[in-house]
Amino acid sequence: MKNRAAMLFQPEESARFLREVADFGLRVASKGYVVASLHIDYTFWGSWRLEIWEGDLAVRFLWDSRDRFLCISSSLKVGFSGPNQWREVSTTQICRYENDEHFQFVEEFLAQILPRRSAT
């Protein structure tokens, strides 16, 4: 994303970013994953957090757009309680934000750890 600071607080840019991340969440859900939460923070350089739940496993992806880091954590869920013991799985720096590489990375990671879901 070019000159992100100059575009901050522009209504058109905010709407575009919201659609882009929401479309990503819908794309992930359409592949059979349970999107437990999707938090979008336009004012924090366009960052987002996505949680996927599968059985007793939860996987969280946190995109830090300012520094271009994608952090992946996982946690077990017990009964009906949500995940509460997050452990870092991976942190990856992704340089080509404008090519949606961060979204592609998440989708490929999910296909590797939950392969039976990606066949949909």
PDB file of N, CA and C in Angstrom:
ATOM      1  N   MET A   1       0.853  -1.166   0.000  1.00  0.00           N
ATOM      2  CA  MET A   1       0.000   0.000   0.000  1.00  0.00           C
ATOM      3  C   MET A   1       0.900   1.231   0.000  1.00  0.00           C
ATOM      4  N   LYS A   2       0.701   2.104  -0.942  1.00  0.00           N
ATOM      5  CA  LYS A   2       1.571   3.258  -1.104  1.00  0.00           C
ATOM      6  C   LYS A   2       1.134   4.415  -0.216  1.00  0.00           C
ATOM      7  N   ASN A   3       2.110   5.032   0.443  1.00  0.00           N
ATOM      8  CA  ASN A   3       1.894   6.222   1.257  1.00  0.00           C
ATOM      9  C   ASN A   3       0.689   6.077   2.180  1.00  0.00           C
ATOM     10  N   ARG A   4       0.719   5.034   2.999  1.00  0.00           N
ATOM     11  CA  ARG A   4      -0.396   4.700   3.892  1.00  0.00           C
ATOM     12  C   ARG A   4      -0.741   5.846   4.839  1.00  0.00           C
ATOM     13  N   ALA A   5       0.275   6.545   5.346  1.00  0.00           N
ATOM     14  CA  ALA A   5       0.019   7.633   6.294  1.00  0.00           C
ATOM     15  C   ALA A   5      -0.791   8.754   5.645  1.00  0.00           C
ATOM     16  N   ALA A   6      -0.522   9.061   4.390  1.00  0.00           N
ATOM     17  CA  ALA A   6      -1.252  10.129   3.706  1.00  0.00           C
ATOM     18  C   ALA A   6      -2.699   9.743   3.449  1.00  0.00           C
ATOM     19  N   MET A   7      -2.968   8.447   3.307  1.00  0.00           N
ATOM     20  CA  MET A   7      -4.326   7.995   3.013  1.00  0.00           C
ATOM     21  C   MET A   7      -5.153   7.762   4.271  1.00  0.00           C
ATOM     22  N   LEU A   8      -4.512   7.756   5.429  1.00  0.00           N
ATOM     23  CA  LEU A   8      -5.216   7.472   6.664  1.00  0.00           C
ATOM     24  C   LEU A   8      -6.358   8.466   6.871  1.00  0.00           C
ATOM     25  N   PHE A   9      -7.482   7.949   7.291  1.00  0.00           N
ATOM     26  CA  PHE A   9      -8.694   8.714   7.566  1.00  0.00           C
ATOM     27  C   PHE A   9      -9.381   9.254   6.318  1.00  0.00           C
ATOM     28  N   GLN A  10      -9.101   8.663   5.188  1.00  0.00           N
ATOM     29  CA  GLN A  10      -9.837   8.983   3.965  1.00  0.00           C
ATOM     30  C   GLN A  10     -10.991   8.000   3.851  1.00  0.00           C
ATOM     31  N   PRO A  11     -12.232   8.461   3.730  1.00  0.00           N
ATOM     32  CA  PRO A  11     -13.381   7.557   3.708  1.00  0.00           C
ATOM     33  C   PRO A  11     -13.292   6.486   2.621  1.00  0.00           C
ATOM     34  N   GLU A  12     -12.844   6.851   1.436  1.00  0.00           N
ATOM     35  CA  GLU A  12     -12.766   5.890   0.346  1.00  0.00           C
ATOM     36  C   GLU A  12     -11.741   4.800   0.656  1.00  0.00           C
ATOM     37  N   GLU A  13     -10.623   5.195   1.216  1.00  0.00           N
ATOM     38  CA  GLU A  13      -9.578   4.229   1.549  1.00  0.00           C
ATOM     39  C   GLU A  13     -10.031   3.314   2.685  1.00  0.00           C
ATOM     40  N   SER A  14     -10.718   3.877   3.655  1.00  0.00           N
ATOM     41  CA  SER A  14     -11.240   3.081   4.756  1.00  0.00           C
ATOM     42  C   SER A  14     -12.228   2.034   4.244  1.00  0.00           C
ATOM     43  N   ALA A  15     -13.128   2.442   3.372  1.00  0.00           N
ATOM     44  CA  ALA A  15     -14.123   1.517   2.809  1.00  0.00           C
ATOM     45  C   ALA A  15     -13.442   0.430   1.982  1.00  0.00           C
ATOM     46  N   ARG A  16     -12.442   0.801   1.190  1.00  0.00           N
ATOM     47  CA  ARG A  16     -11.722  -0.167   0.374  1.00  0.00           C
ATOM     48  C   ARG A  16     -11.032  -1.201   1.250  1.00  0.00           C
ATOM     49  N   PHE A  17     -10.378  -0.737   2.305  1.00  0.00           N
ATOM     50  CA  PHE A  17      -9.675  -1.641   3.213  1.00  0.00           C
ATOM     51  C   PHE A  17     -10.655  -2.587   3.909  1.00  0.00           C
ATOM     52  N   LEU A  18     -11.772  -2.066   4.361  1.00  0.00           N
ATOM     53  CA  LEU A  18     -12.789  -2.879   5.025  1.00  0.00           C
ATOM     54  C   LEU A  18     -13.297  -3.978   4.086  1.00  0.00           C
ATOM     55  N   ARG A  19     -13.612  -3.606   2.836  1.00  0.00           N
ATOM     56  CA  ARG A  19     -14.074  -4.602   1.849  1.00  0.00           C
ATOM     57  C   ARG A  19     -13.012  -5.660   1.587  1.00  0.00           C
ATOM     58  N   GLU A  20     -11.767  -5.239   1.461  1.00  0.00           N
ATOM     59  CA  GLU A  20     -10.668  -6.155   1.160  1.00  0.00           C
ATOM     60  C   GLU A  20     -10.512  -7.213   2.251  1.00  0.00           C
ATOM     61  N   VAL A  21     -10.514  -6.792   3.500  1.00  0.00           N
ATOM     62  CA  VAL A  21     -10.326  -7.742   4.604  1.00  0.00           C
ATOM     63  C   VAL A  21     -11.587  -8.590   4.817  1.00  0.00           C
ATOM     64  N   ALA A  22     -12.759  -7.967   4.703  1.00  0.00           N
ATOM     65  CA  ALA A  22     -14.008  -8.727   4.841  1.00  0.00           C
ATOM     66  C   ALA A  22     -14.117  -9.784   3.746  1.00  0.00           C
ATOM     67  N   ASP A  23     -13.754  -9.437   2.521  1.00  0.00           N
ATOM     68  CA  ASP A  23     -13.761 -10.412   1.422  1.00  0.00           C
ATOM     69  C   ASP A  23     -12.810 -11.564   1.714  1.00  0.00           C
ATOM     70  N   PHE A  24     -11.667 -11.251   2.287  1.00  0.00           N
ATOM     71  CA  PHE A  24     -10.711 -12.287   2.671  1.00  0.00           C
ATOM     72  C   PHE A  24     -11.334 -13.231   3.705  1.00  0.00           C
ATOM     73  N   GLY A  25     -11.986 -12.669   4.729  1.00  0.00           N
ATOM     74  CA  GLY A  25     -12.646 -13.492   5.748  1.00  0.00           C
ATOM     75  C   GLY A  25     -13.728 -14.374   5.148  1.00  0.00           C
ATOM     76  N   LEU A  26     -14.499 -13.834   4.229  1.00  0.00           N
ATOM     77  CA  LEU A  26     -15.537 -14.617   3.554  1.00  0.00           C
ATOM     78  C   LEU A  26     -14.931 -15.719   2.689  1.00  0.00           C
ATOM     79  N   ARG A  27     -13.820 -15.424   2.032  1.00  0.00           N
ATOM     80  CA  ARG A  27     -13.142 -16.429   1.207  1.00  0.00           C
ATOM     81  C   ARG A  27     -12.660 -17.593   2.065  1.00  0.00           C
ATOM     82  N   VAL A  28     -12.095 -17.286   3.231  1.00  0.00           N
ATOM     83  CA  VAL A  28     -11.634 -18.326   4.151  1.00  0.00           C
ATOM     84  C   VAL A  28     -12.825 -19.157   4.637  1.00  0.00           C
ATOM     85  N   ALA A  29     -13.910 -18.496   5.018  1.00  0.00           N
ATOM     86  CA  ALA A  29     -15.102 -19.211   5.491  1.00  0.00           C
ATOM     87  C   ALA A  29     -15.698 -20.090   4.393  1.00  0.00           C
ATOM     88  N   SER A  30     -15.641 -19.632   3.155  1.00  0.00           N
ATOM     89  CA  SER A  30     -16.219 -20.404   2.053  1.00  0.00           C
ATOM     90  C   SER A  30     -15.436 -21.686   1.777  1.00  0.00           C
ATOM     91  N   LYS A  31     -14.235 -21.778   2.300  1.00  0.00           N
ATOM     92  CA  LYS A  31     -13.429 -22.995   2.137  1.00  0.00           C
ATOM     93  C   LYS A  31     -13.714 -24.006   3.247  1.00  0.00           C
ATOM     94  N   GLY A  32     -14.671 -23.693   4.119  1.00  0.00           N
ATOM     95  CA  GLY A  32     -15.085 -24.634   5.148  1.00  0.00           C
ATOM     96  C   GLY A  32     -14.492 -24.384   6.517  1.00  0.00           C
ATOM     97  N   TYR A  33     -13.780 -23.299   6.704  1.00  0.00           N
ATOM     98  CA  TYR A  33     -13.202 -22.981   8.009  1.00  0.00           C
ATOM     99  C   TYR A  33     -14.203 -22.178   8.839  1.00  0.00           C
ATOM    100  N   VAL A  34     -14.191 -22.380  10.150  1.00  0.00           N
ATOM    101  CA  VAL A  34     -15.028 -21.596  11.049  1.00  0.00           C
ATOM    102  C   VAL A  34     -14.266 -20.324  11.408  1.00  0.00           C
ATOM    103  N   VAL A  35     -14.740 -19.201  10.911  1.00  0.00           N
ATOM    104  CA  VAL A  35     -14.143 -17.911  11.248  1.00  0.00           C
ATOM    105  C   VAL A  35     -14.790 -17.459  12.551  1.00  0.00           C
ATOM    106  N   ALA A  36     -14.085 -17.682  13.662  1.00  0.00           N
ATOM    107  CA  ALA A  36     -14.628 -17.353  14.976  1.00  0.00           C
ATOM    108  C   ALA A  36     -14.648 -15.853  15.206  1.00  0.00           C
ATOM    109  N   SER A  37     -13.638 -15.157  14.692  1.00  0.00           N
ATOM    110  CA  SER A  37     -13.636 -13.698  14.801  1.00  0.00           C
ATOM    111  C   SER A  37     -12.722 -13.107  13.743  1.00  0.00           C
ATOM    112  N   LEU A  38     -13.077 -11.908  13.350  1.00  0.00           N
ATOM    113  CA  LEU A  38     -12.270 -11.120  12.428  1.00  0.00           C
ATOM    114  C   LEU A  38     -12.322  -9.684  12.932  1.00  0.00           C
ATOM    115  N   HIS A  39     -11.185  -9.203  13.385  1.00  0.00           N
ATOM    116  CA  HIS A  39     -11.094  -7.839  13.921  1.00  0.00           C
ATOM    117  C   HIS A  39     -10.281  -7.015  12.935  1.00  0.00           C
ATOM    118  N   ILE A  40     -10.864  -5.914  12.493  1.00  0.00           N
ATOM    119  CA  ILE A  40     -10.215  -5.048  11.509  1.00  0.00           C
ATOM    120  C   ILE A  40      -9.938  -3.709  12.165  1.00  0.00           C
ATOM    121  N   ASP A  41      -8.682  -3.242  12.080  1.00  0.00           N
ATOM    122  CA  ASP A  41      -8.306  -1.965  12.689  1.00  0.00           C
ATOM    123  C   ASP A  41      -7.646  -1.067  11.646  1.00  0.00           C
ATOM    124  N   TYR A  42      -8.456  -0.310  10.963  1.00  0.00           N
ATOM    125  CA  TYR A  42      -7.969   0.592   9.919  1.00  0.00           C
ATOM    126  C   TYR A  42      -7.029   1.645  10.494  1.00  0.00           C
ATOM    127  N   THR A  43      -7.321   2.126  11.704  1.00  0.00           N
ATOM    128  CA  THR A  43      -6.523   3.217  12.275  1.00  0.00           C
ATOM    129  C   THR A  43      -5.159   2.764  12.765  1.00  0.00           C
ATOM    130  N   PHE A  44      -4.930   1.472  12.871  1.00  0.00           N
ATOM    131  CA  PHE A  44      -3.604   0.973  13.243  1.00  0.00           C
ATOM    132  C   PHE A  44      -2.905   0.462  11.989  1.00  0.00           C
ATOM    133  N   TRP A  45      -2.739   1.356  11.025  1.00  0.00           N
ATOM    134  CA  TRP A  45      -2.018   1.077   9.778  1.00  0.00           C
ATOM    135  C   TRP A  45      -2.652  -0.043   8.958  1.00  0.00           C
ATOM    136  N   GLY A  46      -3.906  -0.325   9.180  1.00  0.00           N
ATOM    137  CA  GLY A  46      -4.571  -1.360   8.395  1.00  0.00           C
ATOM    138  C   GLY A  46      -4.249  -2.757   8.867  1.00  0.00           C
ATOM    139  N   SER A  47      -4.285  -2.971  10.163  1.00  0.00           N
ATOM    140  CA  SER A  47      -3.996  -4.278  10.733  1.00  0.00           C
ATOM    141  C   SER A  47      -5.288  -5.060  10.923  1.00  0.00           C
ATOM    142  N   TRP A  48      -5.169  -6.368  11.068  1.00  0.00           N
ATOM    143  CA  TRP A  48      -6.330  -7.209  11.310  1.00  0.00           C
ATOM    144  C   TRP A  48      -5.929  -8.456  12.098  1.00  0.00           C
ATOM    145  N   ARG A  49      -6.946  -9.098  12.699  1.00  0.00           N
ATOM    146  CA  ARG A  49      -6.748 -10.345  13.445  1.00  0.00           C
ATOM    147  C   ARG A  49      -7.859 -11.307  13.044  1.00  0.00           C
ATOM    148  N   LEU A  50      -7.488 -12.523  12.722  1.00  0.00           N
ATOM    149  CA  LEU A  50      -8.424 -13.549  12.295  1.00  0.00           C
ATOM    150  C   LEU A  50      -8.251 -14.773  13.178  1.00  0.00           C
ATOM    151  N   GLU A  51      -9.370 -15.306  13.701  1.00  0.00           N
ATOM    152  CA  GLU A  51      -9.334 -16.551  14.479  1.00  0.00           C
ATOM    153  C   GLU A  51     -10.146 -17.610  13.782  1.00  0.00           C
ATOM    154  N   ILE A  52      -9.533 -18.774  13.607  1.00  0.00           N
ATOM    155  CA  ILE A  52     -10.179 -19.930  13.015  1.00  0.00           C
ATOM    156  C   ILE A  52     -10.304 -20.984  14.101  1.00  0.00           C
ATOM    157  N   TRP A  53     -11.504 -21.574  14.256  1.00  0.00           N
ATOM    158  CA  TRP A  53     -11.722 -22.645  15.234  1.00  0.00           C
ATOM    159  C   TRP A  53     -12.039 -23.925  14.498  1.00  0.00           C
ATOM    160  N   GLU A  54     -11.402 -24.993  14.913  1.00  0.00           N
ATOM    161  CA  GLU A  54     -11.646 -26.321  14.352  1.00  0.00           C
ATOM    162  C   GLU A  54     -11.567 -27.332  15.489  1.00  0.00           C
ATOM    163  N   GLY A  55     -12.714 -27.867  15.904  1.00  0.00           N
ATOM    164  CA  GLY A  55     -12.732 -28.809  17.020  1.00  0.00           C
ATOM    165  C   GLY A  55     -12.191 -28.151  18.276  1.00  0.00           C
ATOM    166  N   ASP A  56     -11.169 -28.751  18.867  1.00  0.00           N
ATOM    167  CA  ASP A  56     -10.589 -28.179  20.087  1.00  0.00           C
ATOM    168  C   ASP A  56      -9.354 -27.324  19.802  1.00  0.00           C
ATOM    169  N   LEU A  57      -9.133 -26.980  18.538  1.00  0.00           N
ATOM    170  CA  LEU A  57      -7.982 -26.166  18.150  1.00  0.00           C
ATOM    171  C   LEU A  57      -8.443 -24.800  17.655  1.00  0.00           C
ATOM    172  N   ALA A  58      -7.708 -23.772  18.047  1.00  0.00           N
ATOM    173  CA  ALA A  58      -7.929 -22.427  17.524  1.00  0.00           C
ATOM    174  C   ALA A  58      -6.607 -21.921  16.954  1.00  0.00           C
ATOM    175  N   VAL A  59      -6.690 -21.253  15.824  1.00  0.00           N
ATOM    176  CA  VAL A  59      -5.505 -20.667  15.199  1.00  0.00           C
ATOM    177  C   VAL A  59      -5.796 -19.185  15.004  1.00  0.00           C
ATOM    178  N   ARG A  60      -4.835 -18.357  15.417  1.00  0.00           N
ATOM    179  CA  ARG A  60      -5.007 -16.899  15.314  1.00  0.00           C
ATOM    180  C   ARG A  60      -3.921 -16.328  14.407  1.00  0.00           C
ATOM    181  N   PHE A  61      -4.345 -15.483  13.494  1.00  0.00           N
ATOM    182  CA  PHE A  61      -3.431 -14.783  12.593  1.00  0.00           C
ATOM    183  C   PHE A  61      -3.535 -13.297  12.917  1.00  0.00           C
ATOM    184  N   LEU A  62      -2.405 -12.657  13.146  1.00  0.00           N
ATOM    185  CA  LEU A  62      -2.376 -11.229  13.462  1.00  0.00           C
ATOM    186  C   LEU A  62      -1.477 -10.539  12.446  1.00  0.00           C
ATOM    187  N   TRP A  63      -2.077  -9.670  11.638  1.00  0.00           N
ATOM    188  CA  TRP A  63      -1.337  -8.945  10.618  1.00  0.00           C
ATOM    189  C   TRP A  63      -1.021  -7.546  11.122  1.00  0.00           C
ATOM    190  N   ASP A  64       0.269  -7.244  11.262  1.00  0.00           N
ATOM    191  CA  ASP A  64       0.755  -5.923  11.651  1.00  0.00           C
ATOM    192  C   ASP A  64       1.187  -5.224  10.372  1.00  0.00           C
ATOM    193  N   SER A  65       0.314  -4.406   9.841  1.00  0.00           N
ATOM    194  CA  SER A  65       0.560  -3.791   8.544  1.00  0.00           C
ATOM    195  C   SER A  65       1.712  -2.786   8.576  1.00  0.00           C
ATOM    196  N   ARG A  66       1.889  -2.122   9.680  1.00  0.00           N
ATOM    197  CA  ARG A  66       2.958  -1.116   9.749  1.00  0.00           C
ATOM    198  C   ARG A  66       4.324  -1.758   9.566  1.00  0.00           C
ATOM    199  N   ASP A  67       4.581  -2.845  10.288  1.00  0.00           N
ATOM    200  CA  ASP A  67       5.878  -3.516  10.198  1.00  0.00           C
ATOM    201  C   ASP A  67       5.855  -4.709   9.257  1.00  0.00           C
ATOM    202  N   ARG A  68       4.682  -5.018   8.713  1.00  0.00           N
ATOM    203  CA  ARG A  68       4.486  -6.108   7.754  1.00  0.00           C
ATOM    204  C   ARG A  68       4.869  -7.476   8.325  1.00  0.00           C
ATOM    205  N   PHE A  69       4.420  -7.721   9.550  1.00  0.00           N
ATOM    206  CA  PHE A  69       4.626  -9.012  10.196  1.00  0.00           C
ATOM    207  C   PHE A  69       3.298  -9.736  10.311  1.00  0.00           C
ATOM    208  N   LEU A  70       3.329 -11.024  10.009  1.00  0.00           N
ATOM    209  CA  LEU A  70       2.184 -11.893  10.215  1.00  0.00           C
ATOM    210  C   LEU A  70       2.550 -12.863  11.326  1.00  0.00           C
ATOM    211  N   CYS A  71       1.872 -12.758  12.453  1.00  0.00           N
ATOM    212  CA  CYS A  71       2.125 -13.633  13.595  1.00  0.00           C
ATOM    213  C   CYS A  71       1.030 -14.692  13.646  1.00  0.00           C
ATOM    214  N   ILE A  72       1.428 -15.933  13.841  1.00  0.00           N
ATOM    215  CA  ILE A  72       0.491 -17.047  13.909  1.00  0.00           C
ATOM    216  C   ILE A  72       0.629 -17.696  15.273  1.00  0.00           C
ATOM    217  N   SER A  73      -0.501 -17.870  15.950  1.00  0.00           N
ATOM    218  CA  SER A  73      -0.537 -18.506  17.269  1.00  0.00           C
ATOM    219  C   SER A  73      -1.616 -19.566  17.258  1.00  0.00           C
ATOM    220  N   SER A  74      -1.497 -20.517  18.181  1.00  0.00           N
ATOM    221  CA  SER A  74      -2.540 -21.532  18.318  1.00  0.00           C
ATOM    222  C   SER A  74      -2.826 -21.746  19.797  1.00  0.00           C
ATOM    223  N   SER A  75      -4.017 -22.272  20.051  1.00  0.00           N
ATOM    224  CA  SER A  75      -4.434 -22.567  21.413  1.00  0.00           C
ATOM    225  C   SER A  75      -5.447 -23.695  21.368  1.00  0.00           C
ATOM    226  N   LEU A  76      -5.453 -24.490  22.407  1.00  0.00           N
ATOM    227  CA  LEU A  76      -6.495 -25.494  22.554  1.00  0.00           C
ATOM    228  C   LEU A  76      -7.699 -24.841  23.212  1.00  0.00           C
ATOM    229  N   LYS A  77      -8.893 -25.351  22.890  1.00  0.00           N
ATOM    230  CA  LYS A  77     -10.117 -24.902  23.545  1.00  0.00           C
ATOM    231  C   LYS A  77     -10.594 -26.051  24.414  1.00  0.00           C
ATOM    232  N   VAL A  78     -11.139 -25.721  25.558  1.00  0.00           N
ATOM    233  CA  VAL A  78     -11.648 -26.743  26.473  1.00  0.00           C
ATOM    234  C   VAL A  78     -13.153 -26.585  26.583  1.00  0.00           C
ATOM    235  N   GLY A  79     -13.895 -27.619  26.204  1.00  0.00           N
ATOM    236  CA  GLY A  79     -15.356 -27.552  26.266  1.00  0.00           C
ATOM    237  C   GLY A  79     -15.882 -26.393  25.452  1.00  0.00           C
ATOM    238  N   PHE A  80     -16.734 -25.594  26.083  1.00  0.00           N
ATOM    239  CA  PHE A  80     -17.324 -24.456  25.387  1.00  0.00           C
ATOM    240  C   PHE A  80     -16.535 -23.166  25.589  1.00  0.00           C
ATOM    241  N   SER A  81     -15.457 -23.215  26.370  1.00  0.00           N
ATOM    242  CA  SER A  81     -14.678 -22.000  26.590  1.00  0.00           C
ATOM    243  C   SER A  81     -13.813 -21.721  25.370  1.00  0.00           C
ATOM    244  N   GLY A  82     -13.559 -20.461  25.166  1.00  0.00           N
ATOM    245  CA  GLY A  82     -12.719 -20.065  24.043  1.00  0.00           C
ATOM    246  C   GLY A  82     -11.261 -20.336  24.331  1.00  0.00           C
ATOM    247  N   PRO A  83     -10.431 -20.147  23.326  1.00  0.00           N
ATOM    248  CA  PRO A  83      -8.994 -20.366  23.506  1.00  0.00           C
ATOM    249  C   PRO A  83      -8.428 -19.352  24.490  1.00  0.00           C
ATOM    250  N   ASN A  84      -7.519 -19.811  25.349  1.00  0.00           N
ATOM    251  CA  ASN A  84      -6.958 -18.880  26.336  1.00  0.00           C
ATOM    252  C   ASN A  84      -5.484 -19.104  26.635  1.00  0.00           C
ATOM    253  N   GLN A  85      -4.863 -20.034  25.955  1.00  0.00           N
ATOM    254  CA  GLN A  85      -3.430 -20.273  26.171  1.00  0.00           C
ATOM    255  C   GLN A  85      -2.713 -20.236  24.830  1.00  0.00           C
ATOM    256  N   TRP A  86      -2.612 -19.046  24.286  1.00  0.00           N
ATOM    257  CA  TRP A  86      -2.016 -18.874  22.963  1.00  0.00           C
ATOM    258  C   TRP A  86      -0.512 -19.130  22.998  1.00  0.00           C
ATOM    259  N   ARG A  87      -0.053 -19.860  22.008  1.00  0.00           N
ATOM    260  CA  ARG A  87       1.381 -20.115  21.833  1.00  0.00           C
ATOM    261  C   ARG A  87       1.752 -19.724  20.413  1.00  0.00           C
ATOM    262  N   GLU A  88       2.849 -18.989  20.294  1.00  0.00           N
ATOM    263  CA  GLU A  88       3.287 -18.557  18.973  1.00  0.00           C
ATOM    264  C   GLU A  88       3.754 -19.750  18.144  1.00  0.00           C
ATOM    265  N   VAL A  89       3.263 -19.825  16.929  1.00  0.00           N
ATOM    266  CA  VAL A  89       3.653 -20.873  15.988  1.00  0.00           C
ATOM    267  C   VAL A  89       4.700 -20.335  15.029  1.00  0.00           C
ATOM    268  N   SER A  90       4.480 -19.105  14.550  1.00  0.00           N
ATOM    269  CA  SER A  90       5.364 -18.535  13.542  1.00  0.00           C
ATOM    270  C   SER A  90       5.174 -17.032  13.479  1.00  0.00           C
ATOM    271  N   THR A  91       6.231 -16.319  13.122  1.00  0.00           N
ATOM    272  CA  THR A  91       6.156 -14.907  12.789  1.00  0.00           C
ATOM    273  C   THR A  91       6.921 -14.735  11.486  1.00  0.00           C
ATOM    274  N   THR A  92       6.258 -14.158  10.511  1.00  0.00           N
ATOM    275  CA  THR A  92       6.841 -14.026   9.180  1.00  0.00           C
ATOM    276  C   THR A  92       6.727 -12.586   8.731  1.00  0.00           C
ATOM    277  N   GLN A  93       7.813 -12.049   8.175  1.00  0.00           N
ATOM    278  CA  GLN A  93       7.732 -10.711   7.596  1.00  0.00           C
ATOM    279  C   GLN A  93       7.370 -10.850   6.127  1.00  0.00           C
ATOM    280  N   ILE A  94       6.383 -10.092   5.718  1.00  0.00           N
ATOM    281  CA  ILE A  94       5.892 -10.143   4.340  1.00  0.00           C
ATOM    282  C   ILE A  94       6.047  -8.755   3.743  1.00  0.00           C
ATOM    283  N   CYS A  95       6.834  -8.657   2.716  1.00  0.00           N
ATOM    284  CA  CYS A  95       7.192  -7.343   2.177  1.00  0.00           C
ATOM    285  C   CYS A  95       6.235  -6.819   1.114  1.00  0.00           C
ATOM    286  N   ARG A  96       5.582  -7.690   0.374  1.00  0.00           N
ATOM    287  CA  ARG A  96       4.755  -7.241  -0.752  1.00  0.00           C
ATOM    288  C   ARG A  96       3.292  -7.179  -0.356  1.00  0.00           C
ATOM    289  N   TYR A  97       2.955  -6.225   0.467  1.00  0.00           N
ATOM    290  CA  TYR A  97       1.585  -6.071   0.968  1.00  0.00           C
ATOM    291  C   TYR A  97       0.591  -5.847  -0.171  1.00  0.00           C
ATOM    292  N   GLU A  98       0.976  -5.045  -1.163  1.00  0.00           N
ATOM    293  CA  GLU A  98       0.031  -4.692  -2.211  1.00  0.00           C
ATOM    294  C   GLU A  98      -0.364  -5.871  -3.097  1.00  0.00           C
ATOM    295  N   ASN A  99       0.355  -6.973  -3.024  1.00  0.00           N
ATOM    296  CA  ASN A  99       0.021  -8.163  -3.815  1.00  0.00           C
ATOM    297  C   ASN A  99      -0.806  -9.166  -3.025  1.00  0.00           C
ATOM    298  N   ASP A 100      -1.347  -8.768  -1.897  1.00  0.00           N
ATOM    299  CA  ASP A 100      -2.161  -9.653  -1.056  1.00  0.00           C
ATOM    300  C   ASP A 100      -1.398 -10.890  -0.599  1.00  0.00           C
ATOM    301  N   GLU A 101      -0.096 -10.787  -0.535  1.00  0.00           N
ATOM    302  CA  GLU A 101       0.719 -11.936  -0.146  1.00  0.00           C
ATOM    303  C   GLU A 101       0.396 -12.396   1.266  1.00  0.00           C
ATOM    304  N   HIS A 102       0.029 -11.474   2.156  1.00  0.00           N
ATOM    305  CA  HIS A 102      -0.310 -11.853   3.526  1.00  0.00           C
ATOM    306  C   HIS A 102      -1.579 -12.704   3.558  1.00  0.00           C
ATOM    307  N   PHE A 103      -2.565 -12.382   2.716  1.00  0.00           N
ATOM    308  CA  PHE A 103      -3.776 -13.202   2.633  1.00  0.00           C
ATOM    309  C   PHE A 103      -3.447 -14.590   2.072  1.00  0.00           C
ATOM    310  N   GLN A 104      -2.644 -14.623   1.024  1.00  0.00           N
ATOM    311  CA  GLN A 104      -2.255 -15.894   0.404  1.00  0.00           C
ATOM    312  C   GLN A 104      -1.510 -16.781   1.393  1.00  0.00           C
ATOM    313  N   PHE A 105      -0.647 -16.179   2.197  1.00  0.00           N
ATOM    314  CA  PHE A 105       0.115 -16.935   3.183  1.00  0.00           C
ATOM    315  C   PHE A 105      -0.825 -17.621   4.175  1.00  0.00           C
ATOM    316  N   VAL A 106      -1.827 -16.894   4.660  1.00  0.00           N
ATOM    317  CA  VAL A 106      -2.798 -17.455   5.616  1.00  0.00           C
ATOM    318  C   VAL A 106      -3.542 -18.621   4.978  1.00  0.00           C
ATOM    319  N   GLU A 107      -4.019 -18.433   3.757  1.00  0.00           N
ATOM    320  CA  GLU A 107      -4.778 -19.494   3.100  1.00  0.00           C
ATOM    321  C   GLU A 107      -3.922 -20.743   2.868  1.00  0.00           C
ATOM    322  N   GLU A 108      -2.663 -20.565   2.480  1.00  0.00           N
ATOM    323  CA  GLU A 108      -1.768 -21.704   2.282  1.00  0.00           C
ATOM    324  C   GLU A 108      -1.434 -22.383   3.603  1.00  0.00           C
ATOM    325  N   PHE A 109      -1.249 -21.590   4.654  1.00  0.00           N
ATOM    326  CA  PHE A 109      -0.962 -22.153   5.973  1.00  0.00           C
ATOM    327  C   PHE A 109      -2.135 -23.004   6.456  1.00  0.00           C
ATOM    328  N   LEU A 110      -3.348 -22.482   6.306  1.00  0.00           N
ATOM    329  CA  LEU A 110      -4.529 -23.244   6.707  1.00  0.00           C
ATOM    330  C   LEU A 110      -4.651 -24.544   5.912  1.00  0.00           C
ATOM    331  N   ALA A 111      -4.369 -24.491   4.624  1.00  0.00           N
ATOM    332  CA  ALA A 111      -4.452 -25.693   3.785  1.00  0.00           C
ATOM    333  C   ALA A 111      -3.451 -26.751   4.250  1.00  0.00           C
ATOM    334  N   GLN A 112      -2.325 -26.312   4.811  1.00  0.00           N
ATOM    335  CA  GLN A 112      -1.321 -27.264   5.305  1.00  0.00           C
ATOM    336  C   GLN A 112      -1.716 -27.861   6.646  1.00  0.00           C
ATOM    337  N   ILE A 113      -2.246 -27.039   7.569  1.00  0.00           N
ATOM    338  CA  ILE A 113      -2.527 -27.573   8.903  1.00  0.00           C
ATOM    339  C   ILE A 113      -3.902 -28.214   9.005  1.00  0.00           C
ATOM    340  N   LEU A 114      -4.828 -27.795   8.143  1.00  0.00           N
ATOM    341  CA  LEU A 114      -6.174 -28.374   8.113  1.00  0.00           C
ATOM    342  C   LEU A 114      -6.509 -28.748   6.676  1.00  0.00           C
ATOM    343  N   PRO A 115      -5.760 -29.671   6.076  1.00  0.00           N
ATOM    344  CA  PRO A 115      -5.881 -29.931   4.637  1.00  0.00           C
ATOM    345  C   PRO A 115      -7.245 -30.436   4.191  1.00  0.00           C
ATOM    346  N   ARG A 116      -7.938 -31.162   5.027  1.00  0.00           N
ATOM    347  CA  ARG A 116      -9.231 -31.708   4.589  1.00  0.00           C
ATOM    348  C   ARG A 116     -10.256 -30.605   4.367  1.00  0.00           C
ATOM    349  N   ARG A 117     -10.074 -29.453   4.980  1.00  0.00           N
ATOM    350  CA  ARG A 117     -11.011 -28.342   4.830  1.00  0.00           C
ATOM    351  C   ARG A 117     -10.791 -27.599   3.511  1.00  0.00           C
ATOM    352  N   SER A 118      -9.566 -27.596   2.989  1.00  0.00           N
ATOM    353  CA  SER A 118      -9.274 -26.799   1.804  1.00  0.00           C
ATOM    354  C   SER A 118      -9.791 -27.429   0.529  1.00  0.00           C
ATOM    355  N   ALA A 119     -10.281 -28.654   0.583  1.00  0.00           N
ATOM    356  CA  ALA A 119     -10.756 -29.347  -0.612  1.00  0.00           C
ATOM    357  C   ALA A 119     -12.114 -28.839  -1.090  1.00  0.00           C
ATOM    358  N   THR A 120     -12.797 -28.013  -0.291  1.00  0.00           N
ATOM    359  CA  THR A 120     -14.146 -27.533  -0.627  1.00  0.00           C
ATOM    360  C   THR A 120     -14.106 -26.571  -1.791  1.00  0.00           C
TER     361      THR A 120
END
